[in-house]
């Protein structure tokens, strides 16, 4: 019985030592993968770095307190409410373009998101999963994608069938 307990104790010590070695090796690997620091840029690249840092410092979206109109408009659009001019108050043209290309799922996600989540998404810091980025290039890509005809292989769509019957889809 003593020999069994002694064997178990040796195995436990060996496991502890092995685990410690794995942690040390893993730590060295991580240190090798993460750069210690970049040298200061010189020459033309210094100007580019300064421009990028200045562009990142500029506010690209409104503050968290001002997200209310965006969230409200997203809720109205998701609910299918006919929008009136007073609904657009406080909304910039860029925000309106972005909201117009969002599908129902994205509008719902935006309508139920916290103001902090929306603010972080619009600033590009923490994107909301499944949401179109708040970026003019992404909005233009979405507009082009939505404008593309959907191939039907000669079959009529449900919309076309309803319109043929005189029903509004």
Foldseek 3Di string as FASTA:
>chain_A
DVVVVVVVVVVVVVVVVVVVVVVVVVVVVVVVVDDPDDDQDDDPVNVVVVVVVVVLPDQQDDDLVLCVLLLVVLVCVLVVHDDDPVSCPSPDPLSVLQSVLDDNVQSVVSNPDHSVQVSCQQSVNDNDPPHQGSDPVSSVVSVVVVPDDDDDVPDDDPCVVCVVVVHHD
